[in-house]
């Protein structure tokens, strides 16, 4: 195992460390996602996951705004601001948050059920922790924390195939979010790596950025822990969303 010592690693070696350490912790291996990919979740469990995951989706532009607020470099801000527009949307382009809401509608959820949901405490803590991390750490660490996008395309491809194969009750028009993220995640990861190549230049920078990525993987894992415990382990897998029309 390569250790970041007193001298910075060559950038390509550093990226390999990020990939290795991040991949082995990424939430695609979580039991909840494994159940999803095997088609073993009920409609209620899928809806409960979607509603709670929406809270995380909703804070993504906020954490990106925190990164922008901490960043004194105009060239970086010009690149990073696109992420806010991608998720919040514009007048002529709905954006990722809207796409997630439409995914919920494809599961027969009402928008108000998603927008006004009382999400699980563990989910709220995870989302808030991400925003707080990006507010209180350097902008470079905030950029590095986004690099779970290195692993997202493979996980999304697997998830999208599983949704189409195992969950025919979900209307196909709801899959737009995943189709969009397949491309966006690749571009976002490339942009973040370009920034790190230029500004992550010391051994201390590399250690901090690696720890930021590990923090992000643990955050995503803990979010799914909350969902898995509440909607799979407890109550014999029953959820408030088992019936269409919901709570």
Foldseek 3Di string as FASTA:
>chain_A
DDDLDQFGDDLVVLVVVLCVLLVVLACCPPPVVVCLLVLNAALQLVLLVLLLVLLLLVCVLLLLVLLLVQDPDPVLNVVSNVQNCQAPHDPVGRHLSVLSLLQSVLSLADSCCRVVPPHDPLSNVLSVVSSVCSNPDHSLLNLLLLLNLVVPLVSLVSNVVSCVPNPVSRDPSSCVSSVVSNVVSVVSNVSSSVVCNVPQGGSVSSVSSSVSNSSNSVSVSSNVVRSCCPQPVPPPNDHQPNDNVGD
